Amino acid sequence: DFREEQFADRALAAAVYPEKDYHRTYIGEIVQ
């Protein structure tokens, strides 16, 4: 999950996540 304290640009976090509903990042190996 994205976490507020990990944002180097706190203004970006506030602008994109006013509800603090942070995205979950999924990394997938492209197998096909």
All heavy atoms as atom14 arrays in JSON, in Angstrom:
{
  "sequence": "DFREEQFADRALAAAVYPEKDYHRTYIGEIVQ",
  "atom14_mask": [
    [1, 1, 1, 1, 1, 1, 1, 1, 0, 0, 0, 0, 0, 0],
    [1, 1, 1, 1, 1, 1, 1, 1, 1, 1, 1, 0, 0, 0],
    [1, 1, 1, 1, 1, 1, 1, 1, 1, 1, 1, 0, 0, 0],
    [1, 1, 1, 1, 1, 1, 1, 1, 1, 0, 0, 0, 0, 0],
    [1, 1, 1, 1, 1, 1, 1, 1, 1, 0, 0, 0, 0, 0],
    [1, 1, 1, 1, 1, 1, 1, 1, 1, 0, 0, 0, 0, 0],
    [1, 1, 1, 1, 1, 1, 1, 1, 1, 1, 1, 0, 0, 0],
    [1, 1, 1, 1, 1, 0, 0, 0, 0, 0, 0, 0, 0, 0],
    [1, 1, 1, 1, 1, 1, 1, 1, 0, 0, 0, 0, 0, 0],
    [1, 1, 1, 1, 1, 1, 1, 1, 1, 1, 1, 0, 0, 0],
    [1, 1, 1, 1, 1, 0, 0, 0, 0, 0, 0, 0, 0, 0],
    [1, 1, 1, 1, 1, 1, 1, 1, 0, 0, 0, 0, 0, 0],
    [1, 1, 1, 1, 1, 0, 0, 0, 0, 0, 0, 0, 0, 0],
    [1, 1, 1, 1, 1, 0, 0, 0, 0, 0, 0, 0, 0, 0],
    [1, 1, 1, 1, 1, 0, 0, 0, 0, 0, 0, 0, 0, 0],
    [1, 1, 1, 1, 1, 1, 1, 0, 0, 0, 0, 0, 0, 0],
    [1, 1, 1, 1, 1, 1, 1, 1, 1, 1, 1, 1, 0, 0],
    [1, 1, 1, 1, 1, 1, 1, 0, 0, 0, 0, 0, 0, 0],
    [1, 1, 1, 1, 1, 1, 1, 1, 1, 0, 0, 0, 0, 0],
    [1, 1, 1, 1, 1, 1, 1, 1, 1, 0, 0, 0, 0, 0],
    [1, 1, 1, 1, 1, 1, 1, 1, 0, 0, 0, 0, 0, 0],
    [1, 1, 1, 1, 1, 1, 1, 1, 1, 1, 1, 1, 0, 0],
    [1, 1, 1, 1, 1, 1, 1, 1, 1, 1, 0, 0, 0, 0],
    [1, 1, 1, 1, 1, 1, 1, 1, 1, 1, 1, 0, 0, 0],
    [1, 1, 1, 1, 1, 1, 1, 0, 0, 0, 0, 0, 0, 0],
    [1, 1, 1, 1, 1, 1, 1, 1, 1, 1, 1, 1, 0, 0],
    [1, 1, 1, 1, 1, 1, 1, 1, 0, 0, 0, 0, 0, 0],
    [1, 1, 1, 1, 0, 0, 0, 0, 0, 0, 0, 0, 0, 0],
    [1, 1, 1, 1, 1, 1, 1, 1, 1, 0, 0, 0, 0, 0],
    [1, 1, 1, 1, 1, 1, 1, 1, 0, 0, 0, 0, 0, 0],
    [1, 1, 1, 1, 1, 1, 1, 0, 0, 0, 0, 0, 0, 0],
    [1, 1, 1, 1, 1, 1, 1, 1, 1, 0, 0, 0, 0, 0]
  ],
  "atom14_positions": [
    [[0.83, -1.21, 0.0], [0.0, 0.0, 0.0], [0.86, 1.26, 0.0], [1.92, 1.3, 0.64], [-0.88, 0.03, 1.25], [-1.88, -1.1, 1.28], [-2.33, -1.53, 0.2], [-2.22, -1.56, 2.38], [0.0, 0.0, 0.0], [0.0, 0.0, 0.0], [0.0, 0.0, 0.0], [0.0, 0.0, 0.0], [0.0, 0.0, 0.0], [0.0, 0.0, 0.0]],
    [[0.36, 2.29, -0.69], [0.95, 3.61, -0.53], [0.67, 4.03, 0.92], [-0.39, 3.72, 1.47], [0.29, 4.63, -1.47], [0.7, 4.54, -2.91], [0.1, 5.36, -3.84], [1.67, 3.66, -3.36], [0.45, 5.32, -5.17], [2.03, 3.61, -4.69], [1.42, 4.45, -5.6], [0.0, 0.0, 0.0], [0.0, 0.0, 0.0], [0.0, 0.0, 0.0]],
    [[1.61, 4.77, 1.5], [1.42, 5.27, 2.86], [1.77, 6.75, 2.88], [2.76, 7.17, 2.28], [2.3, 4.49, 3.83], [1.94, 3.02, 3.9], [2.62, 2.27, 5.03], [3.86, 2.89, 5.49], [5.04, 2.28, 5.52], [5.16, 1.04, 5.08], [6.1, 2.89, 5.98], [0.0, 0.0, 0.0], [0.0, 0.0, 0.0], [0.0, 0.0, 0.0]],
    [[0.96, 7.5, 3.58], [1.12, 8.96, 3.63], [2.54, 9.36, 4.03], [3.13, 10.25, 3.4], [0.11, 9.56, 4.6], [0.16, 11.07, 4.67], [-0.92, 11.64, 5.57], [-1.54, 10.89, 6.34], [-1.13, 12.86, 5.49], [0.0, 0.0, 0.0], [0.0, 0.0, 0.0], [0.0, 0.0, 0.0], [0.0, 0.0, 0.0], [0.0, 0.0, 0.0]],
    [[3.09, 8.71, 5.02], [4.42, 9.1, 5.52], [5.54, 8.8, 4.53], [6.65, 9.3, 4.68], [4.71, 8.43, 6.88], [4.81, 6.93, 6.84], [3.48, 6.21, 7.02], [2.4, 6.83, 6.95], [3.53, 4.98, 7.21], [0.0, 0.0, 0.0], [0.0, 0.0, 0.0], [0.0, 0.0, 0.0], [0.0, 0.0, 0.0], [0.0, 0.0, 0.0]],
    [[5.27, 8.04, 3.49], [6.28, 7.72, 2.49], [6.33, 8.73, 1.34], [7.24, 8.68, 0.53], [6.04, 6.32, 1.93], [6.18, 5.2, 2.96], [7.57, 5.17, 3.57], [7.75, 5.49, 4.72], [8.55, 4.8, 2.79], [0.0, 0.0, 0.0], [0.0, 0.0, 0.0], [0.0, 0.0, 0.0], [0.0, 0.0, 0.0], [0.0, 0.0, 0.0]],
    [[5.36, 9.62, 1.27], [5.34, 10.62, 0.2], [6.4, 11.68, 0.47], [6.39, 12.34, 1.51], [3.97, 11.3, 0.09], [2.97, 10.52, -0.7], [2.2, 9.53, -0.09], [2.78, 10.77, -2.06], [1.28, 8.8, -0.82], [1.86, 10.04, -2.79], [1.11, 9.05, -2.17], [0.0, 0.0, 0.0], [0.0, 0.0, 0.0], [0.0, 0.0, 0.0]],
    [[7.32, 11.86, -0.47], [8.29, 12.94, -0.38], [7.59, 14.28, -0.65], [7.96, 15.3, -0.08], [9.42, 12.72, -1.39], [0.0, 0.0, 0.0], [0.0, 0.0, 0.0], [0.0, 0.0, 0.0], [0.0, 0.0, 0.0], [0.0, 0.0, 0.0], [0.0, 0.0, 0.0], [0.0, 0.0, 0.0], [0.0, 0.0, 0.0], [0.0, 0.0, 0.0]],
    [[6.58, 14.25, -1.49], [5.79, 15.44, -1.82], [4.45, 15.32, -1.1], [3.5, 14.73, -1.6], [5.6, 15.52, -3.34], [4.85, 16.75, -3.78], [4.19, 17.4, -2.95], [4.9, 17.07, -4.99], [0.0, 0.0, 0.0], [0.0, 0.0, 0.0], [0.0, 0.0, 0.0], [0.0, 0.0, 0.0], [0.0, 0.0, 0.0], [0.0, 0.0, 0.0]],
    [[4.37, 15.87, 0.1], [3.16, 15.76, 0.92], [1.98, 16.46, 0.26], [0.82, 16.05, 0.44], [3.39, 16.32, 2.32], [4.44, 15.58, 3.12], [3.94, 14.16, 3.43], [4.98, 13.35, 4.02], [5.03, 12.99, 5.28], [4.09, 13.37, 6.11], [6.02, 12.24, 5.71], [0.0, 0.0, 0.0], [0.0, 0.0, 0.0], [0.0, 0.0, 0.0]],
    [[2.24, 17.51, -0.52], [1.14, 18.2, -1.22], [0.49, 17.28, -2.24], [-0.73, 17.31, -2.42], [1.67, 19.48, -1.9], [0.0, 0.0, 0.0], [0.0, 0.0, 0.0], [0.0, 0.0, 0.0], [0.0, 0.0, 0.0], [0.0, 0.0, 0.0], [0.0, 0.0, 0.0], [0.0, 0.0, 0.0], [0.0, 0.0, 0.0], [0.0, 0.0, 0.0]],
    [[1.27, 16.44, -2.88], [0.73, 15.47, -3.84], [-0.18, 14.48, -3.12], [-1.29, 14.2, -3.56], [1.86, 14.73, -4.55], [1.44, 13.63, -5.52], [0.64, 14.21, -6.69], [2.66, 12.89, -6.04], [0.0, 0.0, 0.0], [0.0, 0.0, 0.0], [0.0, 0.0, 0.0], [0.0, 0.0, 0.0], [0.0, 0.0, 0.0], [0.0, 0.0, 0.0]],
    [[0.27, 13.97, -1.99], [-0.55, 13.03, -1.21], [-1.87, 13.68, -0.82], [-2.94, 13.06, -0.95], [0.2, 12.56, 0.02], [0.0, 0.0, 0.0], [0.0, 0.0, 0.0], [0.0, 0.0, 0.0], [0.0, 0.0, 0.0], [0.0, 0.0, 0.0], [0.0, 0.0, 0.0], [0.0, 0.0, 0.0], [0.0, 0.0, 0.0], [0.0, 0.0, 0.0]],
    [[-1.83, 14.91, -0.36], [-3.05, 15.61, 0.05], [-3.98, 15.86, -1.13], [-5.2, 15.74, -1.01], [-2.69, 16.92, 0.74], [0.0, 0.0, 0.0], [0.0, 0.0, 0.0], [0.0, 0.0, 0.0], [0.0, 0.0, 0.0], [0.0, 0.0, 0.0], [0.0, 0.0, 0.0], [0.0, 0.0, 0.0], [0.0, 0.0, 0.0], [0.0, 0.0, 0.0]],
    [[-3.41, 16.18, -2.28], [-4.22, 16.48, -3.46], [-4.86, 15.23, -4.06], [-6.02, 15.25, -4.46], [-3.36, 17.18, -4.52], [0.0, 0.0, 0.0], [0.0, 0.0, 0.0], [0.0, 0.0, 0.0], [0.0, 0.0, 0.0], [0.0, 0.0, 0.0], [0.0, 0.0, 0.0], [0.0, 0.0, 0.0], [0.0, 0.0, 0.0], [0.0, 0.0, 0.0]],
    [[-4.13, 14.13, -4.12], [-4.61, 12.91, -4.77], [-5.42, 12.04, -3.8], [-6.32, 11.32, -4.23], [-3.43, 12.11, -5.37], [-3.9, 10.81, -6.0], [-2.7, 12.95, -6.42], [0.0, 0.0, 0.0], [0.0, 0.0, 0.0], [0.0, 0.0, 0.0], [0.0, 0.0, 0.0], [0.0, 0.0, 0.0], [0.0, 0.0, 0.0], [0.0, 0.0, 0.0]],
    [[-5.12, 12.14, -2.51], [-5.77, 11.28, -1.51], [-6.41, 12.08, -0.38], [-6.09, 11.86, 0.8], [-4.76, 10.28, -0.94], [-4.17, 9.37, -1.98], [-2.88, 9.59, -2.47], [-4.89, 8.31, -2.5], [-2.34, 8.76, -3.44], [-4.36, 7.47, -3.47], [-3.09, 7.71, -3.93], [-2.55, 6.89, -4.89], [0.0, 0.0, 0.0], [0.0, 0.0, 0.0]],
    [[-7.34, 12.97, -0.68], [-7.96, 13.75, 0.41], [-8.72, 12.85, 1.39], [-8.87, 13.19, 2.56], [-8.9, 14.71, -0.32], [-9.15, 14.09, -1.65], [-7.9, 13.32, -1.98], [0.0, 0.0, 0.0], [0.0, 0.0, 0.0], [0.0, 0.0, 0.0], [0.0, 0.0, 0.0], [0.0, 0.0, 0.0], [0.0, 0.0, 0.0], [0.0, 0.0, 0.0]],
    [[-9.17, 11.69, 0.91], [-9.9, 10.74, 1.77], [-8.95, 9.7, 2.39], [-9.41, 8.78, 3.07], [-10.99, 10.02, 0.97], [-11.98, 10.95, 0.28], [-12.79, 11.76, 1.27], [-13.21, 11.19, 2.3], [-13.01, 12.95, 1.01], [0.0, 0.0, 0.0], [0.0, 0.0, 0.0], [0.0, 0.0, 0.0], [0.0, 0.0, 0.0], [0.0, 0.0, 0.0]],
    [[-7.66, 9.82, 2.08], [-6.63, 8.88, 2.57], [-6.91, 7.43, 2.13], [-6.56, 6.49, 2.82], [-6.48, 8.99, 4.08], [-6.08, 10.4, 4.51], [-5.61, 10.44, 5.93], [-5.26, 11.84, 6.37], [-4.25, 12.51, 5.64], [0.0, 0.0, 0.0], [0.0, 0.0, 0.0], [0.0, 0.0, 0.0], [0.0, 0.0, 0.0], [0.0, 0.0, 0.0]],
    [[-7.51, 7.29, 0.96], [-7.81, 5.97, 0.38], [-6.69, 5.57, -0.59], [-6.88, 5.51, -1.78], [-9.17, 5.96, -0.3], [-9.31, 7.03, -1.38], [-8.53, 8.0, -1.38], [-10.22, 6.89, -2.21], [0.0, 0.0, 0.0], [0.0, 0.0, 0.0], [0.0, 0.0, 0.0], [0.0, 0.0, 0.0], [0.0, 0.0, 0.0], [0.0, 0.0, 0.0]],
    [[-5.55, 5.3, -0.04], [-4.34, 5.05, -0.81], [-4.43, 3.78, -1.64], [-4.98, 2.77, -1.2], [-3.13, 4.98, 0.13], [-2.96, 6.23, 0.94], [-3.35, 6.27, 2.28], [-2.47, 7.38, 0.36], [-3.22, 7.44, 3.02], [-2.34, 8.56, 1.08], [-2.72, 8.58, 2.42], [-2.61, 9.73, 3.14], [0.0, 0.0, 0.0], [0.0, 0.0, 0.0]],
    [[-3.88, 3.86, -2.83], [-3.84, 2.71, -3.72], [-2.96, 1.6, -3.15], [-2.01, 1.85, -2.42], [-3.24, 3.1, -5.08], [-4.16, 3.85, -5.96], [-4.34, 5.21, -5.87], [-4.96, 3.43, -6.98], [-5.2, 5.6, -6.8], [-5.59, 4.54, -7.48], [0.0, 0.0, 0.0], [0.0, 0.0, 0.0], [0.0, 0.0, 0.0], [0.0, 0.0, 0.0]],
    [[-3.26, 0.38, -3.56], [-2.37, -0.75, -3.35], [-1.64, -0.95, -4.67], [-2.25, -0.95, -5.74], [-3.11, -2.02, -2.97], [-2.16, -3.23, -2.89], [-2.69, -4.34, -2.09], [-2.58, -3.97, -0.68], [-2.94, -4.76, 0.33], [-3.43, -5.95, 0.08], [-2.8, -4.37, 1.56], [0.0, 0.0, 0.0], [0.0, 0.0, 0.0], [0.0, 0.0, 0.0]],
    [[-0.35, -1.13, -4.6], [0.49, -1.41, -5.75], [0.6, -2.91, -5.92], [0.85, -3.63, -4.95], [1.91, -0.84, -5.53], [1.82, 0.56, -5.3], [2.8, -1.11, -6.73], [0.0, 0.0, 0.0], [0.0, 0.0, 0.0], [0.0, 0.0, 0.0], [0.0, 0.0, 0.0], [0.0, 0.0, 0.0], [0.0, 0.0, 0.0], [0.0, 0.0, 0.0]],
    [[0.4, -3.37, -7.15], [0.58, -4.79, -7.48], [1.65, -4.87, -8.56], [1.55, -4.21, -9.59], [-0.7, -5.41, -8.02], [-1.82, -5.48, -7.0], [-2.76, -4.46, -6.94], [-1.92, -6.55, -6.12], [-3.79, -4.51, -6.01], [-2.94, -6.6, -5.19], [-3.87, -5.58, -5.14], [-4.88, -5.62, -4.21], [0.0, 0.0, 0.0], [0.0, 0.0, 0.0]],
    [[2.65, -5.68, -8.3], [3.69, -5.92, -9.29], [3.53, -7.36, -9.76], [3.51, -8.29, -8.94], [5.11, -5.71, -8.72], [5.25, -4.27, -8.22], [6.17, -6.04, -9.78], [6.53, -4.02, -7.45], [0.0, 0.0, 0.0], [0.0, 0.0, 0.0], [0.0, 0.0, 0.0], [0.0, 0.0, 0.0], [0.0, 0.0, 0.0], [0.0, 0.0, 0.0]],
    [[3.37, -7.52, -11.07], [3.2, -8.85, -11.63], [4.25, -9.15, -12.68], [4.59, -8.29, -13.49], [0.0, 0.0, 0.0], [0.0, 0.0, 0.0], [0.0, 0.0, 0.0], [0.0, 0.0, 0.0], [0.0, 0.0, 0.0], [0.0, 0.0, 0.0], [0.0, 0.0, 0.0], [0.0, 0.0, 0.0], [0.0, 0.0, 0.0], [0.0, 0.0, 0.0]],
    [[4.77, -10.37, -12.63], [5.68, -10.82, -13.68], [4.87, -11.05, -14.94], [3.86, -11.76, -14.91], [6.37, -12.11, -13.27], [7.26, -12.68, -14.36], [7.87, -14.03, -14.0], [7.51, -14.61, -12.97], [8.7, -14.49, -14.81], [0.0, 0.0, 0.0], [0.0, 0.0, 0.0], [0.0, 0.0, 0.0], [0.0, 0.0, 0.0], [0.0, 0.0, 0.0]],
    [[5.29, -10.48, -16.05], [4.61, -10.71, -17.33], [5.03, -12.1, -17.8], [6.17, -12.32, -18.19], [4.96, -9.64, -18.37], [4.62, -8.25, -17.86], [4.22, -9.93, -19.69], [5.16, -7.11, -18.71], [0.0, 0.0, 0.0], [0.0, 0.0, 0.0], [0.0, 0.0, 0.0], [0.0, 0.0, 0.0], [0.0, 0.0, 0.0], [0.0, 0.0, 0.0]],
    [[4.09, -13.05, -17.72], [4.42, -14.44, -18.06], [3.94, -14.81, -19.46], [4.36, -15.83, -20.01], [3.84, -15.43, -17.02], [4.48, -15.21, -15.66], [2.33, -15.34, -16.95], [0.0, 0.0, 0.0], [0.0, 0.0, 0.0], [0.0, 0.0, 0.0], [0.0, 0.0, 0.0], [0.0, 0.0, 0.0], [0.0, 0.0, 0.0], [0.0, 0.0, 0.0]],
    [[3.08, -13.99, -20.01], [2.54, -14.3, -21.35], [2.06, -12.99, -21.97], [1.51, -12.12, -21.3], [1.37, -15.28, -21.2], [0.85, -15.87, -22.48], [-0.25, -16.91, -22.2], [-1.01, -16.8, -21.24], [-0.3, -17.93, -23.05], [0.0, 0.0, 0.0], [0.0, 0.0, 0.0], [0.0, 0.0, 0.0], [0.0, 0.0, 0.0], [0.0, 0.0, 0.0]]
  ]
}
